C-alpha cells in the first residue's frame, strides 16, 4: 500500500515538473517569435477618445507603440500634426490603432463661391440616421431650451452636403455610439451660427426632397 502511495506521489511530481517545463518552453518560444517578428511603430490610443474630438486635443491620449507588421492598419499613422483640428469620426478605446480614416477632413477652410465647408459630428438621429451623401440638400434646425421649455426652429432651408464620414460602403454607420460627421457648404454667417450651436449639441438636420427645394 505504501509503495502505491509513493508511486502515485512520484508520478504526480513528474507530471507537475513536466507541465512547468512545457509552459516555460512555450513561453520562451513565444518570446523568441515576438523578438524575431518585424514590428512597426504606430500611434495607439492610451485612453478612451470620444467621437468628434479634434486631433490636436488627443495628443496626451495617444502614444507610439511597436506593433507586429502583420497587424498594422493599412493607413496607420505616426504623427497627428498633419490632421490639425480634424475631428475623429468615431469613438476609440485604449489599444485602438490611429489611422487616417479615423479623422474627418479639416473643418471650414475650402471656399466655394463665397461659402465655407464646415464639418459637424452628430448623433445618428440628428443626421437623418446617416442616410446622407455628397450632393444631398438638408434643412438645418436649431433647438433651444428656455424657461418655457424646448423649442425648435428651422434656420436654413436648403444647404448642400459635400461629404459624410462614419458610413461604410453599405450605408451602415460604422460606429453607432459615435455618430457621423457631415460636412456642409455654408456662408460665413451661416457657419458662425451652426458652429456655435453645434458646441451645445443643438443642431439637427433633415433631408430636403426635390419637391421642397
N, C-alpha and C. Protein backbone atom coordinates (compact mmCIF):
# COMPACT_ATOMS: atom_id res chain seq x y z
N UNK A 1 0.83 -1.21 0.00
CA UNK A 1 0.00 0.00 0.00
C UNK A 1 0.86 1.26 0.00
N UNK A 2 1.93 1.22 0.86
CA UNK A 2 2.81 2.37 0.96
C UNK A 2 3.53 2.61 -0.36
N UNK A 3 3.89 1.48 -1.03
CA UNK A 3 4.58 1.63 -2.33
C UNK A 3 3.69 2.32 -3.35
N UNK A 4 2.39 1.95 -3.31
CA UNK A 4 1.46 2.57 -4.27
C UNK A 4 1.33 4.06 -4.03
N UNK A 5 1.29 4.45 -2.76
CA UNK A 5 1.18 5.87 -2.42
C UNK A 5 2.41 6.62 -2.90
N UNK A 6 3.59 6.03 -2.62
CA UNK A 6 4.84 6.66 -3.05
C UNK A 6 4.90 6.77 -4.56
N UNK A 7 4.44 5.71 -5.25
CA UNK A 7 4.45 5.73 -6.72
C UNK A 7 3.52 6.80 -7.26
N UNK A 8 2.36 6.96 -6.63
CA UNK A 8 1.41 7.98 -7.07
C UNK A 8 1.97 9.37 -6.86
N UNK A 9 2.63 9.57 -5.71
CA UNK A 9 3.24 10.89 -5.43
C UNK A 9 4.34 11.20 -6.44
N UNK A 10 5.15 10.18 -6.73
CA UNK A 10 6.24 10.38 -7.70
C UNK A 10 5.69 10.71 -9.08
N UNK A 11 4.61 10.01 -9.46
CA UNK A 11 4.01 10.27 -10.78
C UNK A 11 3.45 11.69 -10.85
N UNK A 12 2.81 12.10 -9.77
CA UNK A 12 2.25 13.46 -9.73
C UNK A 12 3.36 14.50 -9.83
N UNK A 13 4.47 14.25 -9.10
CA UNK A 13 5.59 15.19 -9.11
C UNK A 13 6.19 15.29 -10.51
N UNK A 14 6.35 14.13 -11.15
CA UNK A 14 6.90 14.14 -12.51
C UNK A 14 5.98 14.89 -13.48
N UNK A 15 4.66 14.69 -13.34
CA UNK A 15 3.71 15.38 -14.21
C UNK A 15 3.77 16.88 -13.98
N UNK A 16 3.90 17.28 -12.71
CA UNK A 16 3.98 18.71 -12.39
C UNK A 16 5.23 19.33 -12.98
N UNK A 17 6.35 18.66 -12.83
CA UNK A 17 7.61 19.16 -13.40
C UNK A 17 7.51 19.25 -14.92
N UNK A 18 6.89 18.22 -15.53
CA UNK A 18 6.73 18.25 -16.98
C UNK A 18 5.87 19.42 -17.45
N UNK A 19 4.79 19.70 -16.70
CA UNK A 19 3.91 20.81 -17.07
C UNK A 19 4.64 22.14 -16.97
N UNK A 20 5.44 22.30 -15.89
CA UNK A 20 6.21 23.54 -15.71
C UNK A 20 7.21 23.70 -16.84
N UNK A 21 7.91 22.63 -17.20
CA UNK A 21 8.89 22.70 -18.28
C UNK A 21 8.23 23.03 -19.61
N UNK A 22 7.03 22.44 -19.84
CA UNK A 22 6.32 22.70 -21.09
C UNK A 22 5.87 24.15 -21.17
N UNK A 23 5.33 24.68 -20.08
CA UNK A 23 4.90 26.07 -20.08
C UNK A 23 6.07 27.01 -20.28
N UNK A 24 7.18 26.68 -19.66
CA UNK A 24 8.39 27.51 -19.82
C UNK A 24 8.86 27.51 -21.26
N UNK A 25 8.82 26.32 -21.89
CA UNK A 25 9.25 26.21 -23.29
C UNK A 25 8.34 27.01 -24.22
N UNK A 26 7.03 26.87 -24.01
CA UNK A 26 6.06 27.58 -24.85
C UNK A 26 6.22 29.08 -24.69
N UNK A 27 6.37 29.54 -23.44
CA UNK A 27 6.55 30.97 -23.19
C UNK A 27 7.82 31.47 -23.86
N UNK A 28 8.88 30.67 -23.75
CA UNK A 28 10.14 31.06 -24.39
C UNK A 28 10.01 31.10 -25.89
N UNK A 29 9.27 30.15 -26.45
CA UNK A 29 9.07 30.12 -27.89
C UNK A 29 8.30 31.36 -28.36
N UNK A 30 7.27 31.75 -27.57
CA UNK A 30 6.51 32.96 -27.92
C UNK A 30 7.40 34.19 -27.88
N UNK A 31 8.24 34.26 -26.83
CA UNK A 31 9.14 35.40 -26.71
C UNK A 31 10.11 35.45 -27.88
N UNK A 32 10.63 34.29 -28.27
CA UNK A 32 11.56 34.24 -29.39
C UNK A 32 10.87 34.64 -30.69
N UNK A 33 9.63 34.19 -30.85
CA UNK A 33 8.88 34.52 -32.07
C UNK A 33 8.62 36.02 -32.15
N UNK A 34 8.24 36.63 -31.00
CA UNK A 34 7.99 38.07 -30.99
C UNK A 34 9.26 38.86 -31.25
N UNK A 35 10.36 38.36 -30.72
CA UNK A 35 11.64 39.06 -30.90
C UNK A 35 12.08 39.06 -32.35
N UNK A 36 11.75 37.98 -33.06
CA UNK A 36 12.18 37.87 -34.45
C UNK A 36 11.19 38.48 -35.44
N UNK A 37 9.96 38.81 -34.95
CA UNK A 37 8.93 39.34 -35.85
C UNK A 37 9.14 40.82 -36.10
N UNK A 38 8.97 41.24 -37.34
CA UNK A 38 9.12 42.65 -37.70
C UNK A 38 8.00 43.47 -37.08
N UNK A 39 8.36 44.59 -36.48
CA UNK A 39 7.36 45.47 -35.89
C UNK A 39 7.44 46.86 -36.52
N UNK A 40 6.35 47.59 -36.39
CA UNK A 40 6.26 48.95 -36.93
C UNK A 40 5.70 49.86 -35.84
N UNK A 41 6.27 51.04 -35.68
CA UNK A 41 5.76 51.98 -34.70
C UNK A 41 4.56 52.74 -35.27
N UNK A 42 3.46 52.71 -34.55
CA UNK A 42 2.25 53.44 -34.94
C UNK A 42 1.64 54.07 -33.69
N UNK A 43 0.80 55.06 -33.90
CA UNK A 43 0.10 55.68 -32.79
C UNK A 43 -1.04 54.79 -32.32
N UNK A 44 -1.14 54.61 -31.02
CA UNK A 44 -2.18 53.76 -30.42
C UNK A 44 -2.84 54.55 -29.29
N UNK A 45 -4.15 54.44 -29.20
CA UNK A 45 -4.89 55.13 -28.14
C UNK A 45 -4.50 54.55 -26.78
N UNK A 46 -4.19 55.45 -25.83
CA UNK A 46 -3.85 55.03 -24.47
C UNK A 46 -5.02 55.23 -23.52
N UNK A 47 -6.03 55.97 -23.98
CA UNK A 47 -7.22 56.24 -23.17
C UNK A 47 -8.40 56.36 -24.12
N UNK A 48 -9.61 56.31 -23.58
CA UNK A 48 -10.80 56.44 -24.42
C UNK A 48 -10.85 57.83 -25.05
N UNK A 49 -11.25 57.87 -26.32
CA UNK A 49 -11.34 59.13 -27.07
C UNK A 49 -12.75 59.22 -27.65
N UNK A 50 -13.43 60.30 -27.37
CA UNK A 50 -14.81 60.46 -27.83
C UNK A 50 -14.85 60.83 -29.30
N UNK A 51 -15.92 60.43 -29.97
CA UNK A 51 -16.12 60.81 -31.37
C UNK A 51 -16.23 62.33 -31.47
N UNK A 52 -15.64 62.88 -32.54
CA UNK A 52 -15.72 64.32 -32.76
C UNK A 52 -14.64 65.12 -32.08
N UNK A 53 -13.71 64.44 -31.39
CA UNK A 53 -12.63 65.15 -30.71
C UNK A 53 -11.57 65.59 -31.73
N UNK A 54 -11.19 66.88 -31.77
CA UNK A 54 -10.17 67.34 -32.71
C UNK A 54 -8.84 66.63 -32.48
N UNK A 55 -8.14 66.37 -33.56
CA UNK A 55 -6.87 65.64 -33.48
C UNK A 55 -5.88 66.34 -32.55
N UNK A 56 -5.86 67.67 -32.58
CA UNK A 56 -4.89 68.39 -31.76
C UNK A 56 -5.24 68.40 -30.27
N UNK A 57 -6.35 67.75 -29.90
CA UNK A 57 -6.73 67.67 -28.49
C UNK A 57 -6.57 66.27 -27.91
N UNK A 58 -6.03 65.34 -28.70
CA UNK A 58 -5.89 63.98 -28.19
C UNK A 58 -4.43 63.55 -28.07
N UNK A 59 -3.52 64.51 -28.23
CA UNK A 59 -2.09 64.19 -28.19
C UNK A 59 -1.72 63.46 -26.90
N UNK A 60 -2.28 63.91 -25.77
CA UNK A 60 -1.95 63.30 -24.48
C UNK A 60 -2.58 61.93 -24.29
N UNK A 61 -3.51 61.55 -25.17
CA UNK A 61 -4.21 60.27 -25.02
C UNK A 61 -3.70 59.19 -25.98
N UNK A 62 -2.64 59.49 -26.72
CA UNK A 62 -2.10 58.51 -27.65
C UNK A 62 -0.60 58.38 -27.45
N UNK A 63 -0.03 57.31 -27.98
CA UNK A 63 1.41 57.11 -27.88
C UNK A 63 1.89 56.15 -28.95
N UNK A 64 3.17 56.22 -29.26
CA UNK A 64 3.76 55.32 -30.25
C UNK A 64 4.02 53.96 -29.61
N UNK A 65 3.62 52.90 -30.32
CA UNK A 65 3.87 51.55 -29.84
C UNK A 65 4.38 50.70 -31.00
N UNK A 66 5.19 49.67 -30.66
CA UNK A 66 5.65 48.71 -31.66
C UNK A 66 4.56 47.67 -31.87
N UNK A 67 4.08 47.59 -33.09
CA UNK A 67 3.01 46.66 -33.43
C UNK A 67 3.52 45.70 -34.51
N UNK A 68 3.25 44.40 -34.39
CA UNK A 68 3.67 43.46 -35.45
C UNK A 68 3.20 43.96 -36.82
N UNK A 69 4.09 43.92 -37.78
CA UNK A 69 3.78 44.46 -39.10
C UNK A 69 2.51 43.86 -39.70
N UNK A 70 2.27 42.59 -39.43
CA UNK A 70 1.08 41.93 -40.00
C UNK A 70 -0.22 42.44 -39.39
N UNK A 71 -0.14 43.15 -38.26
CA UNK A 71 -1.34 43.64 -37.59
C UNK A 71 -1.55 45.15 -37.76
N UNK A 72 -0.63 45.80 -38.45
CA UNK A 72 -0.72 47.25 -38.61
C UNK A 72 -1.80 47.60 -39.62
N UNK A 73 -2.67 48.56 -39.26
CA UNK A 73 -3.72 49.02 -40.17
C UNK A 73 -3.10 49.62 -41.43
N UNK A 74 -3.81 49.49 -42.54
CA UNK A 74 -3.27 49.93 -43.83
C UNK A 74 -2.92 51.41 -43.83
N UNK A 75 -3.74 52.25 -43.19
CA UNK A 75 -3.48 53.69 -43.18
C UNK A 75 -3.11 54.19 -41.79
N UNK A 76 -2.40 53.33 -41.03
CA UNK A 76 -1.98 53.71 -39.68
C UNK A 76 -1.07 54.93 -39.74
N UNK A 77 -1.09 55.75 -38.69
CA UNK A 77 -0.32 56.99 -38.69
C UNK A 77 0.65 57.02 -37.51
N UNK A 78 1.65 57.89 -37.65
CA UNK A 78 2.65 58.04 -36.58
C UNK A 78 2.72 59.48 -36.08
N UNK A 79 1.97 60.38 -36.68
CA UNK A 79 2.04 61.79 -36.30
C UNK A 79 0.68 62.43 -36.49
N UNK A 80 0.23 63.19 -35.50
CA UNK A 80 -1.08 63.85 -35.57
C UNK A 80 -1.00 65.24 -36.19
N UNK A 81 0.22 65.76 -36.37
CA UNK A 81 0.37 67.16 -36.80
C UNK A 81 -0.38 67.46 -38.08
N UNK A 82 -0.36 66.54 -39.04
CA UNK A 82 -0.98 66.81 -40.34
C UNK A 82 -2.50 66.88 -40.28
N UNK A 83 -3.10 66.43 -39.17
CA UNK A 83 -4.55 66.41 -39.08
C UNK A 83 -5.12 67.64 -38.38
N UNK A 84 -4.26 68.48 -37.80
CA UNK A 84 -4.72 69.73 -37.23
C UNK A 84 -5.89 69.56 -36.29
N UNK A 85 -7.01 70.26 -36.63
CA UNK A 85 -8.21 70.17 -35.79
C UNK A 85 -9.27 69.25 -36.39
N UNK A 86 -8.85 68.38 -37.30
CA UNK A 86 -9.80 67.43 -37.89
C UNK A 86 -10.40 66.55 -36.80
N UNK A 87 -11.73 66.40 -36.76
CA UNK A 87 -12.36 65.62 -35.69
C UNK A 87 -12.29 64.12 -35.97
N UNK A 88 -12.30 63.33 -34.91
CA UNK A 88 -12.38 61.88 -35.06
C UNK A 88 -13.78 61.52 -35.55
N UNK A 89 -13.86 60.53 -36.41
CA UNK A 89 -15.16 60.15 -36.98
C UNK A 89 -15.89 59.13 -36.12
N UNK A 90 -15.23 58.61 -35.10
CA UNK A 90 -15.87 57.65 -34.21
C UNK A 90 -15.10 57.55 -32.92
N UNK A 91 -15.68 56.91 -31.94
CA UNK A 91 -15.02 56.75 -30.64
C UNK A 91 -13.88 55.74 -30.75
N UNK A 92 -12.86 55.92 -29.91
CA UNK A 92 -11.73 54.99 -29.86
C UNK A 92 -11.52 54.52 -28.43
N UNK A 93 -11.08 53.29 -28.28
CA UNK A 93 -10.81 52.70 -26.98
C UNK A 93 -9.32 52.45 -26.82
N UNK A 94 -8.84 52.33 -25.58
CA UNK A 94 -7.42 52.04 -25.38
C UNK A 94 -6.99 50.80 -26.17
N UNK A 95 -5.87 50.93 -26.87
CA UNK A 95 -5.38 49.82 -27.69
C UNK A 95 -5.72 49.95 -29.16
N UNK A 96 -6.67 50.83 -29.51
CA UNK A 96 -7.03 51.03 -30.92
C UNK A 96 -5.91 51.77 -31.65
N UNK A 97 -5.59 51.29 -32.84
CA UNK A 97 -4.62 52.00 -33.67
C UNK A 97 -5.26 53.24 -34.28
N UNK A 98 -4.48 54.31 -34.41
CA UNK A 98 -4.96 55.51 -35.08
C UNK A 98 -4.63 55.41 -36.56
N UNK A 99 -5.60 55.72 -37.39
CA UNK A 99 -5.40 55.66 -38.83
C UNK A 99 -6.02 56.90 -39.47
N UNK A 100 -5.61 57.18 -40.70
CA UNK A 100 -6.11 58.36 -41.39
C UNK A 100 -7.62 58.33 -41.53
N UNK A 101 -8.18 57.13 -41.71
CA UNK A 101 -9.61 57.00 -41.89
C UNK A 101 -10.43 57.32 -40.66
N UNK A 102 -9.77 57.46 -39.50
CA UNK A 102 -10.49 57.79 -38.27
C UNK A 102 -10.70 59.29 -38.09
N UNK A 103 -10.24 60.10 -39.05
CA UNK A 103 -10.38 61.54 -38.95
C UNK A 103 -11.11 62.10 -40.16
N UNK A 104 -12.02 63.05 -39.91
CA UNK A 104 -12.72 63.72 -41.00
C UNK A 104 -11.79 64.75 -41.60
N UNK A 105 -12.13 65.21 -42.79
CA UNK A 105 -11.32 66.25 -43.40
C UNK A 105 -11.41 67.53 -42.60
N UNK A 106 -10.37 68.33 -42.69
CA UNK A 106 -10.27 69.51 -41.85
C UNK A 106 -11.45 70.46 -42.05
N UNK A 107 -11.81 71.13 -41.00
CA UNK A 107 -13.02 71.95 -40.94
C UNK A 107 -12.85 73.35 -41.53
N UNK A 108 -13.86 73.78 -42.27
CA UNK A 108 -14.07 75.18 -42.63
C UNK A 108 -12.88 75.88 -43.24
N UNK A 109 -12.30 75.36 -44.33
CA UNK A 109 -11.21 76.08 -44.96
C UNK A 109 -11.37 76.21 -46.48
N UNK A 110 -12.16 75.39 -47.09
CA UNK A 110 -12.28 75.45 -48.54
C UNK A 110 -13.39 76.41 -48.95
N UNK A 111 -13.03 77.40 -49.77
CA UNK A 111 -14.03 78.37 -50.21
C UNK A 111 -14.79 77.82 -51.42
N UNK A 112 -16.07 78.02 -51.47
CA UNK A 112 -16.91 77.54 -52.56
C UNK A 112 -17.87 78.65 -52.94
N UNK A 113 -17.41 79.58 -53.80
CA UNK A 113 -18.25 80.70 -54.25
C UNK A 113 -18.83 81.46 -53.06
N UNK A 114 -17.97 81.86 -52.17
CA UNK A 114 -18.41 82.62 -51.01
C UNK A 114 -18.88 81.76 -49.87
N UNK A 115 -18.80 80.44 -50.01
CA UNK A 115 -19.21 79.53 -48.95
C UNK A 115 -17.99 78.85 -48.34
N UNK A 116 -18.20 78.26 -47.18
CA UNK A 116 -17.16 77.50 -46.50
C UNK A 116 -17.68 76.11 -46.20
N UNK A 117 -16.76 75.16 -46.11
CA UNK A 117 -17.14 73.80 -45.73
C UNK A 117 -16.93 73.63 -44.24
N UNK A 118 -17.99 73.27 -43.54
CA UNK A 118 -17.94 73.10 -42.09
C UNK A 118 -18.38 71.69 -41.73
N UNK A 119 -17.56 70.99 -40.94
CA UNK A 119 -17.86 69.61 -40.55
C UNK A 119 -18.45 69.56 -39.15
N UNK A 120 -19.51 68.78 -39.02
CA UNK A 120 -20.19 68.58 -37.74
C UNK A 120 -20.29 67.10 -37.44
N UNK A 121 -19.92 66.69 -36.25
CA UNK A 121 -20.13 65.31 -35.83
C UNK A 121 -21.40 65.27 -35.01
N UNK A 122 -22.39 64.52 -35.51
CA UNK A 122 -23.73 64.50 -34.91
C UNK A 122 -24.15 63.07 -34.58
N UNK A 123 -24.98 62.95 -33.54
CA UNK A 123 -25.62 61.67 -33.29
C UNK A 123 -26.40 61.27 -34.54
N UNK A 124 -26.51 59.97 -34.79
CA UNK A 124 -27.18 59.50 -36.00
C UNK A 124 -28.58 60.08 -36.15
N UNK A 125 -29.34 60.16 -35.06
CA UNK A 125 -30.71 60.65 -35.17
C UNK A 125 -30.76 62.13 -35.56
N UNK A 126 -29.67 62.85 -35.33
CA UNK A 126 -29.63 64.27 -35.70
C UNK A 126 -29.18 64.45 -37.14
N UNK A 127 -28.75 63.35 -37.77
CA UNK A 127 -28.24 63.43 -39.14
C UNK A 127 -28.97 62.46 -40.05
N UNK A 128 -30.28 62.39 -39.92
CA UNK A 128 -31.13 61.56 -40.77
C UNK A 128 -30.69 60.10 -40.71
N UNK A 129 -30.24 59.65 -39.54
CA UNK A 129 -29.81 58.27 -39.39
C UNK A 129 -28.58 57.93 -40.21
N UNK A 130 -27.87 58.95 -40.68
CA UNK A 130 -26.69 58.72 -41.51
C UNK A 130 -27.01 58.51 -42.97
N UNK A 131 -28.30 58.62 -43.35
CA UNK A 131 -28.71 58.38 -44.74
C UNK A 131 -28.49 59.64 -45.59
N UNK A 132 -27.24 60.09 -45.64
CA UNK A 132 -26.88 61.30 -46.39
C UNK A 132 -25.68 61.00 -47.26
N UNK A 133 -25.53 61.77 -48.31
CA UNK A 133 -24.38 61.62 -49.20
C UNK A 133 -24.05 62.96 -49.83
N UNK A 134 -22.87 63.03 -50.45
CA UNK A 134 -22.46 64.25 -51.12
C UNK A 134 -23.49 64.65 -52.17
N UNK A 135 -23.87 65.92 -52.16
CA UNK A 135 -24.85 66.41 -53.12
C UNK A 135 -26.26 66.50 -52.57
N UNK A 136 -26.52 65.82 -51.45
CA UNK A 136 -27.84 65.94 -50.82
C UNK A 136 -28.06 67.35 -50.30
N UNK A 137 -29.33 67.73 -50.17
CA UNK A 137 -29.68 69.03 -49.60
C UNK A 137 -30.39 68.79 -48.28
N UNK A 138 -30.01 69.56 -47.29
CA UNK A 138 -30.62 69.39 -45.97
C UNK A 138 -31.12 70.73 -45.44
N UNK A 139 -32.09 70.63 -44.55
CA UNK A 139 -32.52 71.79 -43.77
C UNK A 139 -31.84 71.69 -42.41
N UNK A 140 -31.52 72.85 -41.85
CA UNK A 140 -30.83 72.88 -40.56
C UNK A 140 -31.79 73.43 -39.50
N UNK A 141 -31.96 72.66 -38.44
CA UNK A 141 -32.82 73.06 -37.32
C UNK A 141 -31.95 73.35 -36.10
N UNK A 142 -32.41 74.29 -35.31
CA UNK A 142 -31.71 74.65 -34.09
C UNK A 142 -32.67 74.50 -32.92
N UNK A 143 -32.28 73.70 -31.93
CA UNK A 143 -33.13 73.53 -30.75
C UNK A 143 -32.62 74.43 -29.62
N UNK A 144 -33.56 74.99 -28.88
CA UNK A 144 -33.21 75.87 -27.77
C UNK A 144 -34.04 75.48 -26.55
N UNK A 145 -33.42 75.61 -25.39
CA UNK A 145 -34.13 75.34 -24.14
C UNK A 145 -34.22 76.63 -23.34
N UNK A 146 -35.44 77.02 -23.02
CA UNK A 146 -35.67 78.23 -22.24
C UNK A 146 -36.48 77.87 -20.99
N UNK A 147 -36.79 78.89 -20.21
CA UNK A 147 -37.59 78.65 -19.02
C UNK A 147 -38.97 78.10 -19.38
N UNK A 148 -39.42 78.43 -20.60
CA UNK A 148 -40.74 77.98 -21.04
C UNK A 148 -40.71 76.57 -21.61
N UNK A 149 -39.51 76.03 -21.81
CA UNK A 149 -39.40 74.68 -22.38
C UNK A 149 -38.49 74.66 -23.60
N UNK A 150 -38.48 73.54 -24.31
CA UNK A 150 -37.63 73.39 -25.50
C UNK A 150 -38.38 73.77 -26.76
N UNK A 151 -37.69 74.45 -27.68
CA UNK A 151 -38.28 74.83 -28.95
C UNK A 151 -37.31 74.48 -30.07
N UNK A 152 -37.83 74.28 -31.27
CA UNK A 152 -37.00 74.02 -32.44
C UNK A 152 -37.36 75.01 -33.54
N UNK A 153 -36.33 75.47 -34.24
CA UNK A 153 -36.54 76.46 -35.31
C UNK A 153 -35.76 76.03 -36.54
N UNK A 154 -36.41 76.10 -37.68
CA UNK A 154 -35.74 75.79 -38.95
C UNK A 154 -35.03 77.06 -39.40
N UNK A 155 -33.70 77.06 -39.28
CA UNK A 155 -32.96 78.29 -39.55
C UNK A 155 -32.44 78.38 -40.99
N UNK A 156 -32.20 77.23 -41.64
CA UNK A 156 -31.77 77.24 -43.04
C UNK A 156 -32.53 76.16 -43.80
N UNK A 157 -33.00 76.51 -44.99
CA UNK A 157 -33.89 75.61 -45.72
C UNK A 157 -33.19 74.68 -46.71
N UNK A 158 -32.08 75.11 -47.29
CA UNK A 158 -31.51 74.36 -48.40
C UNK A 158 -29.99 74.46 -48.36
N UNK A 159 -29.35 73.51 -47.68
CA UNK A 159 -27.90 73.51 -47.51
C UNK A 159 -27.33 72.26 -48.16
N UNK A 160 -26.24 72.41 -48.89
CA UNK A 160 -25.64 71.27 -49.59
C UNK A 160 -24.71 70.47 -48.68
N UNK A 161 -24.84 69.14 -48.74
CA UNK A 161 -23.91 68.23 -48.07
C UNK A 161 -22.77 67.95 -49.06
N UNK A 162 -21.53 68.20 -48.63
CA UNK A 162 -20.39 67.95 -49.53
C UNK A 162 -19.66 66.65 -49.23
N UNK A 163 -19.72 66.20 -47.98
CA UNK A 163 -19.09 64.93 -47.61
C UNK A 163 -19.78 64.38 -46.37
N UNK A 164 -19.62 63.06 -46.16
CA UNK A 164 -20.09 62.45 -44.91
C UNK A 164 -19.12 61.34 -44.56
N UNK A 165 -18.75 61.27 -43.29
CA UNK A 165 -17.82 60.26 -42.81
C UNK A 165 -18.50 59.44 -41.72
N UNK A 166 -17.97 58.23 -41.50
CA UNK A 166 -18.55 57.35 -40.48
C UNK A 166 -19.60 56.42 -41.03
N UNK A 167 -19.66 56.30 -42.37
CA UNK A 167 -20.60 55.41 -43.04
C UNK A 167 -19.81 54.46 -43.93
N UNK A 168 -20.12 53.14 -43.86
CA UNK A 168 -19.40 52.21 -44.71
C UNK A 168 -20.04 52.12 -46.09
N UNK A 169 -19.48 51.25 -46.94
CA UNK A 169 -19.95 51.16 -48.33
C UNK A 169 -21.40 50.71 -48.44
N UNK A 170 -21.89 50.02 -47.43
CA UNK A 170 -23.29 49.56 -47.47
C UNK A 170 -24.26 50.61 -46.94
N UNK A 171 -23.71 51.73 -46.45
CA UNK A 171 -24.56 52.78 -45.90
C UNK A 171 -24.80 52.64 -44.41
N UNK A 172 -24.16 51.64 -43.78
CA UNK A 172 -24.33 51.45 -42.34
C UNK A 172 -23.37 52.34 -41.57
N UNK A 173 -23.80 52.78 -40.39
CA UNK A 173 -22.95 53.62 -39.55
C UNK A 173 -21.87 52.74 -38.92
N UNK A 174 -20.62 53.13 -39.08
CA UNK A 174 -19.51 52.31 -38.60
C UNK A 174 -19.38 52.33 -37.09
N UNK A 175 -19.83 53.40 -36.46
CA UNK A 175 -19.76 53.49 -35.00
C UNK A 175 -21.06 54.08 -34.48
N UNK A 176 -22.06 53.22 -34.18
CA UNK A 176 -23.38 53.71 -33.77
C UNK A 176 -23.33 54.65 -32.57
N UNK A 177 -22.35 54.46 -31.68
CA UNK A 177 -22.27 55.32 -30.50
C UNK A 177 -21.59 56.65 -30.81
N UNK A 178 -20.85 56.70 -31.91
CA UNK A 178 -20.10 57.92 -32.20
C UNK A 178 -20.76 58.83 -33.20
N UNK A 179 -21.80 58.36 -33.89
CA UNK A 179 -22.49 59.20 -34.85
C UNK A 179 -21.74 59.31 -36.16
N UNK A 180 -22.06 60.36 -36.92
CA UNK A 180 -21.47 60.57 -38.23
C UNK A 180 -20.98 62.01 -38.33
N UNK A 181 -20.04 62.23 -39.23
CA UNK A 181 -19.52 63.58 -39.46
C UNK A 181 -20.01 64.06 -40.81
N UNK A 182 -20.79 65.12 -40.81
CA UNK A 182 -21.39 65.67 -42.01
C UNK A 182 -20.72 67.01 -42.32
N UNK A 183 -20.30 67.19 -43.57
CA UNK A 183 -19.70 68.46 -43.99
C UNK A 183 -20.70 69.22 -44.84
N UNK A 184 -20.96 70.47 -44.45
CA UNK A 184 -21.94 71.32 -45.12
C UNK A 184 -21.27 72.52 -45.77
N UNK A 185 -21.86 72.99 -46.86
CA UNK A 185 -21.41 74.21 -47.52
C UNK A 185 -22.25 75.37 -46.99
N UNK A 186 -21.62 76.29 -46.28
CA UNK A 186 -22.34 77.38 -45.62
C UNK A 186 -21.69 78.72 -45.93
N UNK A 187 -22.49 79.76 -45.87
CA UNK A 187 -21.92 81.10 -45.94
C UNK A 187 -21.23 81.39 -44.61
N UNK A 188 -20.33 82.36 -44.57
CA UNK A 188 -19.68 82.68 -43.29
C UNK A 188 -20.67 82.98 -42.17
N UNK A 189 -21.76 83.67 -42.50
CA UNK A 189 -22.76 83.98 -41.48
C UNK A 189 -23.45 82.71 -40.97
N UNK A 190 -23.80 81.82 -41.92
CA UNK A 190 -24.42 80.56 -41.53
C UNK A 190 -23.44 79.71 -40.71
N UNK A 191 -22.17 79.70 -41.12
CA UNK A 191 -21.17 78.91 -40.42
C UNK A 191 -21.04 79.35 -38.96
N UNK A 192 -21.06 80.66 -38.75
CA UNK A 192 -20.96 81.18 -37.39
C UNK A 192 -22.09 80.66 -36.51
N UNK A 193 -23.29 80.67 -37.05
CA UNK A 193 -24.45 80.21 -36.28
C UNK A 193 -24.38 78.71 -36.01
N UNK A 194 -24.09 77.94 -37.06
CA UNK A 194 -24.08 76.47 -36.94
C UNK A 194 -22.96 76.00 -36.02
N UNK A 195 -21.77 76.57 -36.15
CA UNK A 195 -20.66 76.16 -35.30
C UNK A 195 -20.97 76.47 -33.84
N UNK A 196 -21.54 77.64 -33.59
CA UNK A 196 -21.90 77.99 -32.22
C UNK A 196 -22.94 77.05 -31.65
N UNK A 197 -23.94 76.71 -32.45
CA UNK A 197 -25.00 75.80 -31.98
C UNK A 197 -24.48 74.38 -31.80
N UNK A 198 -23.54 73.96 -32.64
CA UNK A 198 -23.05 72.58 -32.55
C UNK A 198 -22.29 72.34 -31.25
N UNK A 199 -21.72 73.36 -30.69
CA UNK A 199 -20.99 73.21 -29.43
C UNK A 199 -21.92 72.82 -28.29
N UNK A 200 -23.18 73.19 -28.43
CA UNK A 200 -24.18 72.86 -27.41
C UNK A 200 -25.02 71.65 -27.80
N UNK A 201 -24.67 71.00 -28.92
CA UNK A 201 -25.43 69.82 -29.36
C UNK A 201 -26.84 70.16 -29.78
N UNK A 202 -27.04 71.36 -30.35
CA UNK A 202 -28.40 71.83 -30.64
C UNK A 202 -28.78 71.73 -32.11
N UNK A 203 -27.90 71.17 -32.96
CA UNK A 203 -28.16 71.14 -34.41
C UNK A 203 -28.80 69.82 -34.81
N UNK A 204 -29.86 69.92 -35.64
CA UNK A 204 -30.49 68.76 -36.24
C UNK A 204 -30.57 69.01 -37.74
N UNK A 205 -30.46 67.94 -38.54
CA UNK A 205 -30.59 68.05 -39.99
C UNK A 205 -31.77 67.22 -40.46
N UNK A 206 -32.42 67.70 -41.53
CA UNK A 206 -33.46 66.92 -42.17
C UNK A 206 -33.18 66.90 -43.67
N UNK A 207 -33.44 65.76 -44.31
CA UNK A 207 -33.20 65.65 -45.74
C UNK A 207 -34.30 66.37 -46.50
N UNK A 208 -33.89 67.25 -47.40
CA UNK A 208 -34.86 68.01 -48.19
C UNK A 208 -35.13 67.26 -49.48
N UNK A 209 -36.39 66.96 -49.76
CA UNK A 209 -36.75 66.26 -51.00
C UNK A 209 -36.75 67.26 -52.17
N UNK A 210 -36.74 66.72 -53.38
CA UNK A 210 -36.68 67.59 -54.56
C UNK A 210 -37.88 68.53 -54.64
N UNK A 211 -39.02 68.06 -54.19
CA UNK A 211 -40.22 68.90 -54.26
C UNK A 211 -40.14 70.08 -53.32
N UNK A 212 -39.28 69.95 -52.27
CA UNK A 212 -39.15 71.03 -51.31
C UNK A 212 -38.14 72.08 -51.77
N UNK A 213 -37.15 71.65 -52.57
CA UNK A 213 -36.09 72.55 -52.98
C UNK A 213 -36.61 73.61 -53.94
